[in-house]
Amino acid sequence: MKQEEKVDFRLNREYCKACGICTALCPKKAISADDEGKPSMINEEACIMCRLCELRCPDFAIRIGRMQ
């Protein structure tokens, strides 16, 4: 990902049931669980925008994209 592009990671906390699928599937470990077990972006620079977190979320709680 280019330096000037930022990741737009959005989590609908009401939909998320903290299953851990997104954090387990992240190939670069850019997402980690917070105190409630819900995902948060911890390393934006490592994110390769593969969107596995979004595509595999069973609750449709994650949306990910690029901000310019």
PDB file of N, CA and C in Angstrom:
ATOM      1  N   MET A   1       0.848  -1.176   0.000  1.00  0.00           N
ATOM      2  CA  MET A   1       0.000   0.000   0.000  1.00  0.00           C
ATOM      3  C   MET A   1       0.893   1.239   0.000  1.00  0.00           C
ATOM      4  N   LYS A   2       0.497   2.248  -0.713  1.00  0.00           N
ATOM      5  CA  LYS A   2       1.281   3.471  -0.801  1.00  0.00           C
ATOM      6  C   LYS A   2       1.246   4.230   0.516  1.00  0.00           C
ATOM      7  N   GLN A   3       2.311   4.973   0.783  1.00  0.00           N
ATOM      8  CA  GLN A   3       2.455   5.733   2.017  1.00  0.00           C
ATOM      9  C   GLN A   3       1.305   6.728   2.229  1.00  0.00           C
ATOM     10  N   GLU A   4       0.871   7.419   1.163  1.00  0.00           N
ATOM     11  CA  GLU A   4      -0.134   8.461   1.330  1.00  0.00           C
ATOM     12  C   GLU A   4      -1.553   7.910   1.516  1.00  0.00           C
ATOM     13  N   GLU A   5      -1.763   6.634   1.223  1.00  0.00           N
ATOM     14  CA  GLU A   5      -3.072   6.036   1.393  1.00  0.00           C
ATOM     15  C   GLU A   5      -3.244   5.510   2.810  1.00  0.00           C
ATOM     16  N   LYS A   6      -4.391   5.742   3.372  1.00  0.00           N
ATOM     17  CA  LYS A   6      -4.687   5.252   4.709  1.00  0.00           C
ATOM     18  C   LYS A   6      -5.826   4.256   4.638  1.00  0.00           C
ATOM     19  N   VAL A   7      -5.828   3.363   5.593  1.00  0.00           N
ATOM     20  CA  VAL A   7      -6.868   2.342   5.665  1.00  0.00           C
ATOM     21  C   VAL A   7      -8.081   2.905   6.394  1.00  0.00           C
ATOM     22  N   ASP A   8      -9.239   2.696   5.806  1.00  0.00           N
ATOM     23  CA  ASP A   8     -10.494   3.081   6.438  1.00  0.00           C
ATOM     24  C   ASP A   8     -11.124   1.796   6.984  1.00  0.00           C
ATOM     25  N   PHE A   9     -10.859   1.493   8.251  1.00  0.00           N
ATOM     26  CA  PHE A   9     -11.359   0.287   8.903  1.00  0.00           C
ATOM     27  C   PHE A   9     -12.562   0.667   9.749  1.00  0.00           C
ATOM     28  N   ARG A  10     -13.710   0.119   9.399  1.00  0.00           N
ATOM     29  CA  ARG A  10     -14.938   0.439  10.131  1.00  0.00           C
ATOM     30  C   ARG A  10     -15.534  -0.830  10.703  1.00  0.00           C
ATOM     31  N   LEU A  11     -15.849  -0.760  11.971  1.00  0.00           N
ATOM     32  CA  LEU A  11     -16.451  -1.894  12.663  1.00  0.00           C
ATOM     33  C   LEU A  11     -17.791  -1.475  13.240  1.00  0.00           C
ATOM     34  N   ASN A  12     -18.821  -2.231  12.917  1.00  0.00           N
ATOM     35  CA  ASN A  12     -20.123  -2.011  13.533  1.00  0.00           C
ATOM     36  C   ASN A  12     -20.129  -2.844  14.817  1.00  0.00           C
ATOM     37  N   ARG A  13     -19.880  -2.189  15.935  1.00  0.00           N
ATOM     38  CA  ARG A  13     -19.741  -2.883  17.214  1.00  0.00           C
ATOM     39  C   ARG A  13     -21.027  -3.589  17.644  1.00  0.00           C
ATOM     40  N   GLU A  14     -22.171  -3.115  17.165  1.00  0.00           N
ATOM     41  CA  GLU A  14     -23.432  -3.769  17.503  1.00  0.00           C
ATOM     42  C   GLU A  14     -23.571  -5.116  16.796  1.00  0.00           C
ATOM     43  N   TYR A  15     -23.050  -5.224  15.586  1.00  0.00           N
ATOM     44  CA  TYR A  15     -23.132  -6.475  14.827  1.00  0.00           C
ATOM     45  C   TYR A  15     -22.074  -7.476  15.263  1.00  0.00           C
ATOM     46  N   CYS A  16     -20.901  -6.987  15.647  1.00  0.00           N
ATOM     47  CA  CYS A  16     -19.761  -7.846  15.970  1.00  0.00           C
ATOM     48  C   CYS A  16     -20.026  -8.671  17.225  1.00  0.00           C
ATOM     49  N   LYS A  17     -19.800  -9.986  17.130  1.00  0.00           N
ATOM     50  CA  LYS A  17     -19.964 -10.854  18.291  1.00  0.00           C
ATOM     51  C   LYS A  17     -18.616 -11.323  18.843  1.00  0.00           C
ATOM     52  N   ALA A  18     -17.533 -10.702  18.389  1.00  0.00           N
ATOM     53  CA  ALA A  18     -16.177 -10.978  18.874  1.00  0.00           C
ATOM     54  C   ALA A  18     -15.778 -12.440  18.671  1.00  0.00           C
ATOM     55  N   CYS A  19     -16.047 -12.966  17.490  1.00  0.00           N
ATOM     56  CA  CYS A  19     -15.746 -14.370  17.204  1.00  0.00           C
ATOM     57  C   CYS A  19     -14.250 -14.617  16.974  1.00  0.00           C
ATOM     58  N   GLY A  20     -13.513 -13.584  16.522  1.00  0.00           N
ATOM     59  CA  GLY A  20     -12.072 -13.712  16.324  1.00  0.00           C
ATOM     60  C   GLY A  20     -11.652 -14.183  14.949  1.00  0.00           C
ATOM     61  N   ILE A  21     -12.602 -14.412  14.058  1.00  0.00           N
ATOM     62  CA  ILE A  21     -12.257 -14.886  12.719  1.00  0.00           C
ATOM     63  C   ILE A  21     -11.378 -13.873  11.994  1.00  0.00           C
ATOM     64  N   CYS A  22     -11.731 -12.610  12.069  1.00  0.00           N
ATOM     65  CA  CYS A  22     -10.977 -11.568  11.344  1.00  0.00           C
ATOM     66  C   CYS A  22      -9.532 -11.475  11.841  1.00  0.00           C
ATOM     67  N   THR A  23      -9.343 -11.524  13.136  1.00  0.00           N
ATOM     68  CA  THR A  23      -7.983 -11.416  13.669  1.00  0.00           C
ATOM     69  C   THR A  23      -7.167 -12.664  13.343  1.00  0.00           C
ATOM     70  N   ALA A  24      -7.812 -13.813  13.322  1.00  0.00           N
ATOM     71  CA  ALA A  24      -7.111 -15.053  13.001  1.00  0.00           C
ATOM     72  C   ALA A  24      -6.700 -15.116  11.530  1.00  0.00           C
ATOM     73  N   LEU A  25      -7.520 -14.549  10.647  1.00  0.00           N
ATOM     74  CA  LEU A  25      -7.257 -14.624   9.210  1.00  0.00           C
ATOM     75  C   LEU A  25      -6.334 -13.535   8.687  1.00  0.00           C
ATOM     76  N   CYS A  26      -6.119 -12.470   9.429  1.00  0.00           N
ATOM     77  CA  CYS A  26      -5.288 -11.360   8.940  1.00  0.00           C
ATOM     78  C   CYS A  26      -3.853 -11.857   8.699  1.00  0.00           C
ATOM     79  N   PRO A  27      -3.409 -11.886   7.430  1.00  0.00           N
ATOM     80  CA  PRO A  27      -2.085 -12.431   7.130  1.00  0.00           C
ATOM     81  C   PRO A  27      -0.926 -11.587   7.663  1.00  0.00           C
ATOM     82  N   LYS A  28      -1.168 -10.323   7.896  1.00  0.00           N
ATOM     83  CA  LYS A  28      -0.112  -9.426   8.377  1.00  0.00           C
ATOM     84  C   LYS A  28      -0.282  -9.046   9.845  1.00  0.00           C
ATOM     85  N   LYS A  29      -1.298  -9.610  10.504  1.00  0.00           N
ATOM     86  CA  LYS A  29      -1.587  -9.319  11.919  1.00  0.00           C
ATOM     87  C   LYS A  29      -1.761  -7.821  12.156  1.00  0.00           C
ATOM     88  N   ALA A  30      -2.428  -7.163  11.210  1.00  0.00           N
ATOM     89  CA  ALA A  30      -2.707  -5.729  11.315  1.00  0.00           C
ATOM     90  C   ALA A  30      -3.910  -5.465  12.213  1.00  0.00           C
ATOM     91  N   ILE A  31      -4.703  -6.503  12.462  1.00  0.00           N
ATOM     92  CA  ILE A  31      -5.894  -6.395  13.303  1.00  0.00           C
ATOM     93  C   ILE A  31      -5.670  -7.204  14.577  1.00  0.00           C
ATOM     94  N   SER A  32      -6.097  -6.648  15.680  1.00  0.00           N
ATOM     95  CA  SER A  32      -5.991  -7.340  16.959  1.00  0.00           C
ATOM     96  C   SER A  32      -7.278  -7.125  17.742  1.00  0.00           C
ATOM     97  N   ALA A  33      -7.527  -8.000  18.691  1.00  0.00           N
ATOM     98  CA  ALA A  33      -8.724  -7.883  19.516  1.00  0.00           C
ATOM     99  C   ALA A  33      -8.508  -6.859  20.624  1.00  0.00           C
ATOM    100  N   ASP A  34      -9.551  -6.068  20.902  1.00  0.00           N
ATOM    101  CA  ASP A  34      -9.478  -5.094  21.999  1.00  0.00           C
ATOM    102  C   ASP A  34      -9.889  -5.779  23.301  1.00  0.00           C
ATOM    103  N   ASP A  35     -10.130  -5.007  24.339  1.00  0.00           N
ATOM    104  CA  ASP A  35     -10.486  -5.554  25.648  1.00  0.00           C
ATOM    105  C   ASP A  35     -11.784  -6.353  25.635  1.00  0.00           C
ATOM    106  N   GLU A  36     -12.668  -6.033  24.700  1.00  0.00           N
ATOM    107  CA  GLU A  36     -13.942  -6.744  24.584  1.00  0.00           C
ATOM    108  C   GLU A  36     -13.861  -7.911  23.603  1.00  0.00           C
ATOM    109  N   GLY A  37     -12.685  -8.124  23.013  1.00  0.00           N
ATOM    110  CA  GLY A  37     -12.514  -9.189  22.037  1.00  0.00           C
ATOM    111  C   GLY A  37     -12.902  -8.798  20.632  1.00  0.00           C
ATOM    112  N   LYS A  38     -13.215  -7.535  20.431  1.00  0.00           N
ATOM    113  CA  LYS A  38     -13.622  -7.044  19.117  1.00  0.00           C
ATOM    114  C   LYS A  38     -12.404  -6.498  18.373  1.00  0.00           C
ATOM    115  N   PRO A  39     -12.392  -6.610  17.046  1.00  0.00           N
ATOM    116  CA  PRO A  39     -11.211  -6.220  16.277  1.00  0.00           C
ATOM    117  C   PRO A  39     -10.975  -4.718  16.213  1.00  0.00           C
ATOM    118  N   SER A  40      -9.712  -4.375  16.150  1.00  0.00           N
ATOM    119  CA  SER A  40      -9.320  -2.990  15.904  1.00  0.00           C
ATOM    120  C   SER A  40      -8.037  -3.012  15.077  1.00  0.00           C
ATOM    121  N   MET A  41      -7.874  -1.996  14.251  1.00  0.00           N
ATOM    122  CA  MET A  41      -6.692  -1.884  13.407  1.00  0.00           C
ATOM    123  C   MET A  41      -5.536  -1.395  14.272  1.00  0.00           C
ATOM    124  N   ILE A  42      -4.517  -2.223  14.427  1.00  0.00           N
ATOM    125  CA  ILE A  42      -3.379  -1.843  15.272  1.00  0.00           C
ATOM    126  C   ILE A  42      -2.134  -1.485  14.467  1.00  0.00           C
ATOM    127  N   ASN A  43      -2.083  -1.926  13.194  1.00  0.00           N
ATOM    128  CA  ASN A  43      -0.906  -1.650  12.385  1.00  0.00           C
ATOM    129  C   ASN A  43      -1.344  -1.353  10.950  1.00  0.00           C
ATOM    130  N   GLU A  44      -1.742  -0.129  10.745  1.00  0.00           N
ATOM    131  CA  GLU A  44      -2.256   0.302   9.446  1.00  0.00           C
ATOM    132  C   GLU A  44      -1.233   0.119   8.326  1.00  0.00           C
ATOM    133  N   GLU A  45       0.033   0.328   8.622  1.00  0.00           N
ATOM    134  CA  GLU A  45       1.084   0.204   7.609  1.00  0.00           C
ATOM    135  C   GLU A  45       1.244  -1.240   7.138  1.00  0.00           C
ATOM    136  N   ALA A  46       0.937  -2.198   7.990  1.00  0.00           N
ATOM    137  CA  ALA A  46       1.081  -3.603   7.634  1.00  0.00           C
ATOM    138  C   ALA A  46      -0.092  -4.115   6.796  1.00  0.00           C
ATOM    139  N   CYS A  47      -1.222  -3.443   6.862  1.00  0.00           N
ATOM    140  CA  CYS A  47      -2.430  -3.881   6.156  1.00  0.00           C
ATOM    141  C   CYS A  47      -2.192  -3.869   4.643  1.00  0.00           C
ATOM    142  N   ILE A  48      -2.459  -4.988   3.994  1.00  0.00           N
ATOM    143  CA  ILE A  48      -2.273  -5.106   2.544  1.00  0.00           C
ATOM    144  C   ILE A  48      -3.596  -5.048   1.791  1.00  0.00           C
ATOM    145  N   MET A  49      -4.671  -4.703   2.496  1.00  0.00           N
ATOM    146  CA  MET A  49      -5.991  -4.537   1.897  1.00  0.00           C
ATOM    147  C   MET A  49      -6.478  -5.811   1.196  1.00  0.00           C
ATOM    148  N   CYS A  50      -6.186  -6.946   1.771  1.00  0.00           N
ATOM    149  CA  CYS A  50      -6.668  -8.200   1.200  1.00  0.00           C
ATOM    150  C   CYS A  50      -8.161  -8.372   1.437  1.00  0.00           C
ATOM    151  N   ARG A  51      -8.696  -7.684   2.437  1.00  0.00           N
ATOM    152  CA  ARG A  51     -10.105  -7.668   2.793  1.00  0.00           C
ATOM    153  C   ARG A  51     -10.628  -8.999   3.326  1.00  0.00           C
ATOM    154  N   LEU A  52      -9.727  -9.889   3.743  1.00  0.00           N
ATOM    155  CA  LEU A  52     -10.184 -11.149   4.327  1.00  0.00           C
ATOM    156  C   LEU A  52     -11.041 -10.902   5.566  1.00  0.00           C
ATOM    157  N   CYS A  53     -10.696  -9.897   6.342  1.00  0.00           N
ATOM    158  CA  CYS A  53     -11.476  -9.579   7.538  1.00  0.00           C
ATOM    159  C   CYS A  53     -12.914  -9.238   7.173  1.00  0.00           C
ATOM    160  N   GLU A  54     -13.078  -8.453   6.133  1.00  0.00           N
ATOM    161  CA  GLU A  54     -14.415  -8.054   5.695  1.00  0.00           C
ATOM    162  C   GLU A  54     -15.157  -9.216   5.041  1.00  0.00           C
ATOM    163  N   LEU A  55     -14.489  -9.938   4.179  1.00  0.00           N
ATOM    164  CA  LEU A  55     -15.133 -10.995   3.411  1.00  0.00           C
ATOM    165  C   LEU A  55     -15.540 -12.197   4.248  1.00  0.00           C
ATOM    166  N   ARG A  56     -14.807 -12.474   5.322  1.00  0.00           N
ATOM    167  CA  ARG A  56     -15.082 -13.653   6.141  1.00  0.00           C
ATOM    168  C   ARG A  56     -15.856 -13.366   7.418  1.00  0.00           C
ATOM    169  N   CYS A  57     -16.173 -12.115   7.655  1.00  0.00           N
ATOM    170  CA  CYS A  57     -16.934 -11.768   8.858  1.00  0.00           C
ATOM    171  C   CYS A  57     -18.347 -12.338   8.742  1.00  0.00           C
ATOM    172  N   PRO A  58     -18.745 -13.250   9.632  1.00  0.00           N
ATOM    173  CA  PRO A  58     -20.067 -13.854   9.527  1.00  0.00           C
ATOM    174  C   PRO A  58     -21.206 -12.893   9.882  1.00  0.00           C
ATOM    175  N   ASP A  59     -20.872 -11.779  10.505  1.00  0.00           N
ATOM    176  CA  ASP A  59     -21.882 -10.821  10.947  1.00  0.00           C
ATOM    177  C   ASP A  59     -21.940  -9.559  10.090  1.00  0.00           C
ATOM    178  N   PHE A  60     -21.118  -9.492   9.048  1.00  0.00           N
ATOM    179  CA  PHE A  60     -21.048  -8.314   8.175  1.00  0.00           C
ATOM    180  C   PHE A  60     -20.767  -7.047   8.982  1.00  0.00           C
ATOM    181  N   ALA A  61     -19.915  -7.177   9.984  1.00  0.00           N
ATOM    182  CA  ALA A  61     -19.624  -6.076  10.898  1.00  0.00           C
ATOM    183  C   ALA A  61     -18.448  -5.215  10.450  1.00  0.00           C
ATOM    184  N   ILE A  62     -17.649  -5.689   9.508  1.00  0.00           N
ATOM    185  CA  ILE A  62     -16.439  -4.972   9.096  1.00  0.00           C
ATOM    186  C   ILE A  62     -16.584  -4.443   7.682  1.00  0.00           C
ATOM    187  N   ARG A  63     -16.149  -3.209   7.511  1.00  0.00           N
ATOM    188  CA  ARG A  63     -16.010  -2.593   6.191  1.00  0.00           C
ATOM    189  C   ARG A  63     -14.602  -2.018   6.142  1.00  0.00           C
ATOM    190  N   ILE A  64     -13.926  -2.289   5.056  1.00  0.00           N
ATOM    191  CA  ILE A  64     -12.552  -1.798   4.919  1.00  0.00           C
ATOM    192  C   ILE A  64     -12.364  -1.213   3.531  1.00  0.00           C
ATOM    193  N   GLY A  65     -11.628  -0.127   3.456  1.00  0.00           N
ATOM    194  CA  GLY A  65     -11.368   0.538   2.195  1.00  0.00           C
ATOM    195  C   GLY A  65     -10.167   1.462   2.329  1.00  0.00           C
ATOM    196  N   ARG A  66      -9.990   2.301   1.349  1.00  0.00           N
ATOM    197  CA  ARG A  66      -8.860   3.245   1.360  1.00  0.00           C
ATOM    198  C   ARG A  66      -9.369   4.663   1.511  1.00  0.00           C
ATOM    199  N   MET A  67      -8.635   5.438   2.272  1.00  0.00           N
ATOM    200  CA  MET A  67      -8.890   6.877   2.366  1.00  0.00           C
ATOM    201  C   MET A  67      -7.754   7.571   1.639  1.00  0.00           C
ATOM    202  N   GLN A  68      -8.035   8.645   0.952  1.00  0.00           N
ATOM    203  CA  GLN A  68      -6.983   9.357   0.208  1.00  0.00           C
ATOM    204  C   GLN A  68      -6.590  10.622   0.929  1.00  0.00           C
TER     205      GLN A  68
END
